[in-house]
């Protein structure tokens, strides 16, 4: 799996493009993420803490759709649209490694969203290709160390390090 890092200028460029797209498409939320569900930039009218979950599920949905296209003999679908009673979501592939997601309500048409997403992706594609070319293999960092502060309280319970119950003592 690849990891991506973007610099401040790229972040500004992505944020500006997403802001424009959000206004043009009358969207409730717009996200640019990699195909693994990691958000690079987002604009959301009312962030209720579910953006990362939406991104992960959208990435999984897109991956499943790609597999369906392969089973049907297609070279790959590049966009999907899910329509609900009040909200809809449009997901389109960008530069093979990224996804643009737009969440919109029933007052906006899918055709309008598709049009403006296409324009935004066309504008951002050169920079996305640069980001993709700078990606690094996460497994190429064998000495990487991840640390959690207060890891003993990570799940809301205290565990005393090196003091696990002895199974033999509990059985006897």
Protein backbone atom coordinates (compact mmCIF):
# COMPACT_ATOMS: atom_id res chain seq x y z
CA UNK A 1 0.00 0.00 0.00
CA UNK A 2 1.24 3.46 -0.84
CA UNK A 3 1.27 6.43 1.46
CA UNK A 4 1.10 10.00 0.23
CA UNK A 5 2.34 13.25 1.68
CA UNK A 6 1.28 16.61 0.31
CA UNK A 7 2.97 19.92 0.89
CA UNK A 8 1.32 23.19 1.90
CA UNK A 9 1.00 24.46 -1.69
CA UNK A 10 -0.67 21.23 -2.80
CA UNK A 11 -2.99 21.38 0.20
CA UNK A 12 -3.96 24.96 -0.71
CA UNK A 13 -4.53 23.98 -4.34
CA UNK A 14 -6.71 21.00 -3.38
CA UNK A 15 -8.67 23.02 -0.81
CA UNK A 16 -9.36 25.82 -3.29
CA UNK A 17 -10.51 23.38 -5.97
CA UNK A 18 -12.76 21.54 -3.49
CA UNK A 19 -14.24 24.82 -2.27
CA UNK A 20 -15.05 25.83 -5.87
CA UNK A 21 -16.53 22.40 -6.56
CA UNK A 22 -18.62 22.54 -3.39
CA UNK A 23 -20.14 25.88 -4.41
CA UNK A 24 -20.66 24.97 -8.08
CA UNK A 25 -22.21 21.57 -7.36
CA UNK A 26 -24.14 22.82 -4.32
CA UNK A 27 -22.61 19.97 -2.33
CA UNK A 28 -22.86 19.22 1.37
CA UNK A 29 -19.40 17.66 1.41
CA UNK A 30 -16.52 17.19 -1.01
CA UNK A 31 -13.47 15.00 -0.36
CA UNK A 32 -10.29 14.18 -2.19
CA UNK A 33 -8.73 10.96 -0.94
CA UNK A 34 -6.54 8.10 -1.99
CA UNK A 35 -8.10 4.78 -2.98
CA UNK A 36 -7.35 3.44 0.50
CA UNK A 37 -9.75 5.97 2.05
CA UNK A 38 -7.16 8.40 3.42
CA UNK A 39 -8.46 11.97 3.07
CA UNK A 40 -6.08 14.47 1.45
CA UNK A 41 -8.47 17.43 1.56
CA UNK A 42 -12.13 17.98 2.38
CA UNK A 43 -14.81 20.66 2.53
CA UNK A 44 -17.87 19.92 4.61
CA UNK A 45 -20.77 22.18 5.56
CA UNK A 46 -21.55 20.34 8.77
CA UNK A 47 -18.81 17.95 9.87
CA UNK A 48 -20.44 15.64 12.36
CA UNK A 49 -17.37 13.45 12.69
CA UNK A 50 -18.29 10.89 10.06
CA UNK A 51 -16.11 12.06 7.15
CA UNK A 52 -13.38 9.50 7.77
CA UNK A 53 -15.97 6.71 7.95
CA UNK A 54 -17.63 7.92 4.75
CA UNK A 55 -14.20 8.01 3.07
CA UNK A 56 -13.33 4.46 4.14
CA UNK A 57 -16.69 3.07 3.06
CA UNK A 58 -16.61 4.97 -0.24
CA UNK A 59 -13.14 3.57 -0.97
CA UNK A 60 -14.40 0.05 -0.26
CA UNK A 61 -17.47 0.61 -2.42
CA UNK A 62 -15.31 1.86 -5.28
CA UNK A 63 -12.95 -1.11 -4.95
CA UNK A 64 -15.92 -3.50 -5.08
CA UNK A 65 -17.27 -1.71 -8.15
CA UNK A 66 -13.89 -2.03 -9.87
CA UNK A 67 -13.95 -5.78 -9.23
CA UNK A 68 -17.48 -5.98 -10.65
CA UNK A 69 -16.30 -4.24 -13.80
CA UNK A 70 -13.52 -6.79 -14.19
CA UNK A 71 -16.00 -9.65 -13.81
CA UNK A 72 -18.14 -8.04 -16.52
CA UNK A 73 -15.18 -7.78 -18.87
CA UNK A 74 -14.81 -4.02 -18.55
CA UNK A 75 -11.44 -2.32 -18.16
CA UNK A 76 -12.83 -0.55 -15.10
CA UNK A 77 -15.62 1.76 -14.09
CA UNK A 78 -14.34 5.21 -13.19
CA UNK A 79 -17.40 6.56 -11.35
CA UNK A 80 -20.28 5.42 -9.20
CA UNK A 81 -23.41 7.16 -7.95
CA UNK A 82 -25.61 6.13 -5.02
CA UNK A 83 -28.95 7.91 -4.76
CA UNK A 84 -31.03 8.10 -1.60
CA UNK A 85 -34.29 9.80 -0.74
CA UNK A 86 -32.61 12.89 0.70
CA UNK A 87 -28.87 12.49 0.06
CA UNK A 88 -26.73 11.09 -2.70
CA UNK A 89 -23.04 10.40 -3.17
CA UNK A 90 -20.95 10.55 -6.33
CA UNK A 91 -17.48 8.99 -6.44
CA UNK A 92 -15.08 9.38 -9.35
CA UNK A 93 -11.57 8.10 -9.87
CA UNK A 94 -8.80 10.65 -10.44
CA UNK A 95 -5.28 9.85 -11.67
CA UNK A 96 -5.85 6.13 -10.89
CA UNK A 97 -4.75 6.51 -7.25
CA UNK A 98 -7.31 9.00 -5.94
CA UNK A 99 -11.05 9.45 -5.54
CA UNK A 100 -13.19 12.57 -5.56
CA UNK A 101 -16.34 12.22 -3.44
CA UNK A 102 -19.29 14.58 -3.47
CA UNK A 103 -22.23 14.29 -1.07
CA UNK A 104 -25.27 16.26 -2.18
CA UNK A 105 -28.97 16.53 -1.45
CA UNK A 106 -32.11 16.08 -3.53
CA UNK A 107 -32.04 19.71 -4.70
CA UNK A 108 -28.91 19.05 -6.81
CA UNK A 109 -28.88 16.88 -9.91
CA UNK A 110 -26.36 14.08 -10.42
CA UNK A 111 -25.59 15.40 -13.91
CA UNK A 112 -24.53 18.77 -12.52
CA UNK A 113 -22.30 17.07 -9.93
CA UNK A 114 -20.76 14.80 -12.57
CA UNK A 115 -20.01 17.80 -14.83
CA UNK A 116 -18.26 19.83 -12.12
CA UNK A 117 -16.39 16.83 -10.69
CA UNK A 118 -15.03 16.12 -14.17
CA UNK A 119 -13.82 19.71 -14.50
CA UNK A 120 -12.23 19.67 -11.03
CA UNK A 121 -10.42 16.41 -11.71
CA UNK A 122 -9.16 17.71 -15.05
CA UNK A 123 -7.78 20.77 -13.25
CA UNK A 124 -6.17 18.76 -10.43
CA UNK A 125 -4.89 15.77 -12.40
CA UNK A 126 -1.38 17.12 -13.12
CA UNK A 127 -0.81 17.77 -9.41
CA UNK A 128 -2.36 14.44 -8.42
CA UNK A 129 0.01 12.66 -10.79
CA UNK A 130 2.92 14.43 -9.07
CA UNK A 131 1.63 13.35 -5.66
CA UNK A 132 1.19 9.77 -6.91
CA UNK A 133 4.76 9.79 -8.22
CA UNK A 134 6.01 10.83 -4.79
CA UNK A 135 4.13 8.09 -2.94
CA UNK A 136 6.12 5.75 -0.75
CA UNK A 137 5.60 2.10 0.01
CA UNK A 138 4.48 1.84 3.63
CA UNK A 139 6.17 -1.54 4.00
CA UNK A 140 9.49 -0.03 2.85
CA UNK A 141 9.93 1.44 6.31
CA UNK A 142 10.87 -1.58 8.43
CA UNK A 143 12.25 0.57 11.23
CA UNK A 144 9.19 2.80 11.53
CA UNK A 145 7.97 3.09 15.08
CA UNK A 146 4.44 4.02 16.04
CA UNK A 147 3.84 5.16 19.58
CA UNK A 148 0.64 5.89 21.43
CA UNK A 149 0.55 8.23 24.37
CA UNK A 150 -1.45 6.80 27.23
CA UNK A 151 -1.85 3.53 25.31
CA UNK A 152 -2.98 1.75 28.45
CA UNK A 153 -6.12 3.89 28.32
CA UNK A 154 -6.63 3.46 24.58
CA UNK A 155 -9.84 1.46 24.97
CA UNK A 156 -11.04 2.99 28.21
CA UNK A 157 -9.61 0.40 30.56
CA UNK A 158 -6.35 0.22 32.44
CA UNK A 159 -3.89 -2.57 31.80
CA UNK A 160 -0.79 -2.79 33.92
CA UNK A 161 2.18 -3.58 31.66
CA UNK A 162 3.97 -6.90 32.33
CA UNK A 163 1.34 -7.97 34.87
CA UNK A 164 -0.92 -10.29 32.93
CA UNK A 165 -2.77 -12.90 34.98
CA UNK A 166 -1.00 -16.24 35.16
CA UNK A 167 -3.29 -18.84 33.58
CA UNK A 168 -1.80 -21.62 35.74
CA UNK A 169 -2.52 -19.74 38.95
CA UNK A 170 -6.09 -19.02 37.87
CA UNK A 171 -6.71 -22.68 36.96
CA UNK A 172 -5.26 -24.09 40.26
